[in-house]
Amino acid sequence: MKPFDPAIALMNRLTYPQKFLLISLLFILPLVLVMYLLLTELSLHGSSPRKNYMAPPTCAPSGRCWKTFPRVGWPLIGWRWRK
């Protein structure tokens, strides 16, 4: 018995509208679950997105941020072996 035999047997018994509904539900259910978890997480923390965009007071127009904060970027950009 092959692993997909039950799924093939089910799809062979269904009509096209039933197949469409089944496949649609299989795509929509994970999206609904992820949206529910995301909205629950956002409501628990209650932080507004504007708070995340505020710069620290030491980063005023002087431009000294590059010296005081470490470089942030993708982990492998500019990566070299260190000896």
N, C-alpha and C. Protein backbone atom coordinates (compact mmCIF):
# COMPACT_ATOMS: atom_id res chain seq x y z
N MET A 1 0.85 -1.19 0.00
CA MET A 1 0.00 0.00 0.00
C MET A 1 0.89 1.25 0.00
N LYS A 2 0.66 2.12 -0.94
CA LYS A 2 1.44 3.34 -1.05
C LYS A 2 0.89 4.38 -0.07
N PRO A 3 1.72 5.35 0.33
CA PRO A 3 1.27 6.32 1.33
C PRO A 3 0.15 7.25 0.86
N PHE A 4 0.01 7.49 -0.43
CA PHE A 4 -1.00 8.41 -0.92
C PHE A 4 -2.27 7.71 -1.40
N ASP A 5 -2.35 6.39 -1.26
CA ASP A 5 -3.54 5.66 -1.72
C ASP A 5 -4.84 6.14 -1.06
N PRO A 6 -4.89 6.39 0.27
CA PRO A 6 -6.14 6.89 0.85
C PRO A 6 -6.56 8.25 0.29
N ALA A 7 -5.60 9.14 0.08
CA ALA A 7 -5.92 10.47 -0.46
C ALA A 7 -6.40 10.36 -1.90
N ILE A 8 -5.77 9.48 -2.68
CA ILE A 8 -6.19 9.29 -4.07
C ILE A 8 -7.59 8.69 -4.13
N ALA A 9 -7.87 7.74 -3.24
CA ALA A 9 -9.20 7.13 -3.22
C ALA A 9 -10.27 8.16 -2.85
N LEU A 10 -9.96 9.03 -1.89
CA LEU A 10 -10.91 10.07 -1.50
C LEU A 10 -11.15 11.04 -2.65
N MET A 11 -10.08 11.49 -3.30
CA MET A 11 -10.24 12.45 -4.40
C MET A 11 -10.97 11.83 -5.59
N ASN A 12 -10.82 10.53 -5.81
CA ASN A 12 -11.54 9.88 -6.90
C ASN A 12 -13.04 9.80 -6.63
N ARG A 13 -13.44 9.76 -5.36
CA ARG A 13 -14.86 9.67 -5.03
C ARG A 13 -15.56 11.02 -5.05
N LEU A 14 -14.79 12.12 -4.91
CA LEU A 14 -15.41 13.44 -4.81
C LEU A 14 -15.69 14.02 -6.19
N THR A 15 -16.73 14.87 -6.25
CA THR A 15 -17.01 15.61 -7.48
C THR A 15 -16.13 16.86 -7.50
N TYR A 16 -16.11 17.57 -8.63
CA TYR A 16 -15.24 18.74 -8.76
C TYR A 16 -15.57 19.84 -7.74
N PRO A 17 -16.82 20.18 -7.48
CA PRO A 17 -17.08 21.19 -6.45
C PRO A 17 -16.61 20.75 -5.06
N GLN A 18 -16.76 19.46 -4.76
CA GLN A 18 -16.30 18.97 -3.46
C GLN A 18 -14.77 18.99 -3.38
N LYS A 19 -14.10 18.67 -4.47
CA LYS A 19 -12.64 18.74 -4.49
C LYS A 19 -12.18 20.18 -4.29
N PHE A 20 -12.85 21.11 -4.97
CA PHE A 20 -12.51 22.52 -4.84
C PHE A 20 -12.68 22.99 -3.40
N LEU A 21 -13.77 22.61 -2.77
CA LEU A 21 -14.03 23.00 -1.39
C LEU A 21 -13.00 22.39 -0.44
N LEU A 22 -12.66 21.13 -0.64
CA LEU A 22 -11.69 20.47 0.23
C LEU A 22 -10.31 21.12 0.11
N ILE A 23 -9.86 21.36 -1.10
CA ILE A 23 -8.55 21.97 -1.30
C ILE A 23 -8.54 23.41 -0.78
N SER A 24 -9.64 24.13 -0.96
CA SER A 24 -9.72 25.50 -0.44
C SER A 24 -9.62 25.52 1.07
N LEU A 25 -10.31 24.60 1.72
CA LEU A 25 -10.24 24.53 3.18
C LEU A 25 -8.83 24.17 3.66
N LEU A 26 -8.17 23.30 2.93
CA LEU A 26 -6.81 22.92 3.33
C LEU A 26 -5.85 24.10 3.23
N PHE A 27 -6.11 25.05 2.34
CA PHE A 27 -5.27 26.24 2.24
C PHE A 27 -5.70 27.32 3.22
N ILE A 28 -6.99 27.45 3.48
CA ILE A 28 -7.49 28.55 4.31
C ILE A 28 -7.30 28.28 5.80
N LEU A 29 -7.43 27.05 6.24
CA LEU A 29 -7.32 26.75 7.67
C LEU A 29 -5.97 27.15 8.28
N PRO A 30 -4.83 26.85 7.66
CA PRO A 30 -3.58 27.34 8.25
C PRO A 30 -3.48 28.86 8.28
N LEU A 31 -4.02 29.52 7.26
CA LEU A 31 -3.99 30.99 7.25
C LEU A 31 -4.83 31.56 8.39
N VAL A 32 -5.98 30.98 8.63
CA VAL A 32 -6.84 31.44 9.73
C VAL A 32 -6.14 31.21 11.07
N LEU A 33 -5.49 30.07 11.23
CA LEU A 33 -4.79 29.78 12.47
C LEU A 33 -3.65 30.77 12.71
N VAL A 34 -2.87 31.06 11.69
CA VAL A 34 -1.75 31.99 11.84
C VAL A 34 -2.26 33.41 12.12
N MET A 35 -3.32 33.82 11.45
CA MET A 35 -3.88 35.16 11.71
C MET A 35 -4.41 35.26 13.14
N TYR A 36 -5.06 34.21 13.62
CA TYR A 36 -5.56 34.21 15.00
C TYR A 36 -4.40 34.33 15.99
N LEU A 37 -3.35 33.55 15.77
CA LEU A 37 -2.20 33.62 16.67
C LEU A 37 -1.51 34.97 16.61
N LEU A 38 -1.42 35.55 15.43
CA LEU A 38 -0.80 36.87 15.29
C LEU A 38 -1.61 37.94 16.01
N LEU A 39 -2.91 37.95 15.79
CA LEU A 39 -3.75 38.96 16.45
C LEU A 39 -3.78 38.77 17.96
N THR A 40 -3.75 37.54 18.42
CA THR A 40 -3.70 37.29 19.86
C THR A 40 -2.39 37.81 20.44
N GLU A 41 -1.29 37.55 19.77
CA GLU A 41 0.01 38.02 20.24
C GLU A 41 0.08 39.55 20.26
N LEU A 42 -0.46 40.19 19.23
CA LEU A 42 -0.44 41.65 19.19
C LEU A 42 -1.32 42.25 20.28
N SER A 43 -2.45 41.63 20.55
CA SER A 43 -3.33 42.18 21.58
C SER A 43 -2.77 41.95 22.98
N LEU A 44 -1.99 40.89 23.18
CA LEU A 44 -1.40 40.64 24.49
C LEU A 44 -0.32 41.66 24.82
N HIS A 45 0.50 41.98 23.86
CA HIS A 45 1.60 42.91 24.13
C HIS A 45 1.14 44.35 24.10
N GLY A 46 0.19 44.67 23.29
CA GLY A 46 -0.41 45.99 23.27
C GLY A 46 0.54 47.12 22.89
N SER A 47 1.65 46.83 22.27
CA SER A 47 2.56 47.90 21.89
C SER A 47 2.16 48.43 20.52
N SER A 48 2.27 49.72 20.38
CA SER A 48 1.94 50.30 19.08
C SER A 48 3.18 50.27 18.20
N PRO A 49 3.01 50.18 16.90
CA PRO A 49 4.17 50.14 16.01
C PRO A 49 5.00 51.43 16.02
N ARG A 50 4.39 52.54 16.40
CA ARG A 50 5.13 53.80 16.39
C ARG A 50 6.25 53.80 17.42
N LYS A 51 6.10 53.05 18.50
CA LYS A 51 7.14 53.01 19.52
C LYS A 51 8.41 52.37 18.98
N ASN A 52 8.28 51.46 18.05
CA ASN A 52 9.44 50.77 17.51
C ASN A 52 10.25 51.63 16.57
N TYR A 53 9.69 52.69 16.03
CA TYR A 53 10.38 53.52 15.06
C TYR A 53 11.09 54.71 15.68
N MET A 54 10.93 54.91 16.97
CA MET A 54 11.56 56.05 17.61
C MET A 54 13.04 55.77 17.81
N ALA A 55 13.88 56.71 17.44
CA ALA A 55 15.33 56.54 17.59
C ALA A 55 15.73 56.89 19.02
N PRO A 56 16.80 56.30 19.52
CA PRO A 56 17.29 56.67 20.85
C PRO A 56 17.74 58.13 20.86
N PRO A 57 17.71 58.78 21.99
CA PRO A 57 18.06 60.20 22.04
C PRO A 57 19.52 60.47 21.67
N THR A 58 20.41 59.48 21.77
CA THR A 58 21.81 59.72 21.42
C THR A 58 22.02 59.76 19.91
N CYS A 59 21.00 59.37 19.13
CA CYS A 59 21.14 59.35 17.67
C CYS A 59 20.55 60.60 17.06
N ALA A 60 20.75 61.70 17.67
CA ALA A 60 20.26 62.96 17.11
C ALA A 60 21.00 63.24 15.80
N PRO A 61 20.80 64.35 15.16
CA PRO A 61 21.39 64.59 13.84
C PRO A 61 22.91 64.57 13.80
N SER A 62 23.58 64.35 14.91
CA SER A 62 25.05 64.40 14.90
C SER A 62 25.66 63.29 14.05
N GLY A 63 24.98 62.15 13.91
CA GLY A 63 25.50 61.08 13.08
C GLY A 63 26.47 60.16 13.80
N ARG A 64 26.53 60.24 15.13
CA ARG A 64 27.45 59.40 15.87
C ARG A 64 26.89 58.00 16.11
N CYS A 65 25.73 57.70 15.57
CA CYS A 65 25.13 56.39 15.79
C CYS A 65 25.99 55.29 15.21
N TRP A 66 26.65 55.57 14.10
CA TRP A 66 27.46 54.53 13.46
C TRP A 66 28.62 54.12 14.33
N LYS A 67 29.08 55.02 15.19
CA LYS A 67 30.20 54.69 16.07
C LYS A 67 29.74 54.01 17.35
N THR A 68 28.54 54.36 17.84
CA THR A 68 28.12 53.84 19.13
C THR A 68 27.38 52.51 19.03
N PHE A 69 26.69 52.27 17.91
CA PHE A 69 25.93 51.04 17.77
C PHE A 69 26.65 50.08 16.84
N PRO A 70 26.56 48.77 17.10
CA PRO A 70 27.21 47.81 16.20
C PRO A 70 26.52 47.78 14.84
N ARG A 71 27.26 47.31 13.85
CA ARG A 71 26.72 47.21 12.49
C ARG A 71 25.66 46.13 12.44
N VAL A 72 24.52 46.45 11.85
CA VAL A 72 23.42 45.52 11.74
C VAL A 72 23.24 45.19 10.27
N GLY A 73 23.11 43.92 9.95
CA GLY A 73 22.90 43.51 8.57
C GLY A 73 22.64 42.03 8.52
N TRP A 74 22.54 41.52 7.33
CA TRP A 74 22.35 40.08 7.18
C TRP A 74 23.60 39.38 7.67
N PRO A 75 23.45 38.20 8.28
CA PRO A 75 24.60 37.54 8.90
C PRO A 75 25.73 37.20 7.93
N LEU A 76 25.44 36.90 6.68
CA LEU A 76 26.49 36.43 5.79
C LEU A 76 27.02 37.48 4.83
N ILE A 77 26.49 38.71 4.89
CA ILE A 77 26.99 39.75 4.01
C ILE A 77 28.31 40.27 4.59
N GLY A 78 29.34 40.20 3.82
CA GLY A 78 30.64 40.68 4.27
C GLY A 78 31.31 39.75 5.25
N TRP A 79 30.89 38.49 5.34
CA TRP A 79 31.45 37.56 6.29
C TRP A 79 32.76 37.01 5.74
N ARG A 80 33.77 36.94 6.59
CA ARG A 80 35.08 36.40 6.21
C ARG A 80 35.59 35.49 7.33
N TRP A 81 36.49 34.61 6.94
CA TRP A 81 37.15 33.77 7.95
C TRP A 81 38.07 34.67 8.77
N ARG A 82 38.02 34.48 10.06
CA ARG A 82 38.93 35.26 10.92
C ARG A 82 40.07 34.35 11.36
N LYS A 83 41.26 34.88 11.27
CA LYS A 83 42.44 34.09 11.65
C LYS A 83 42.94 34.49 13.01
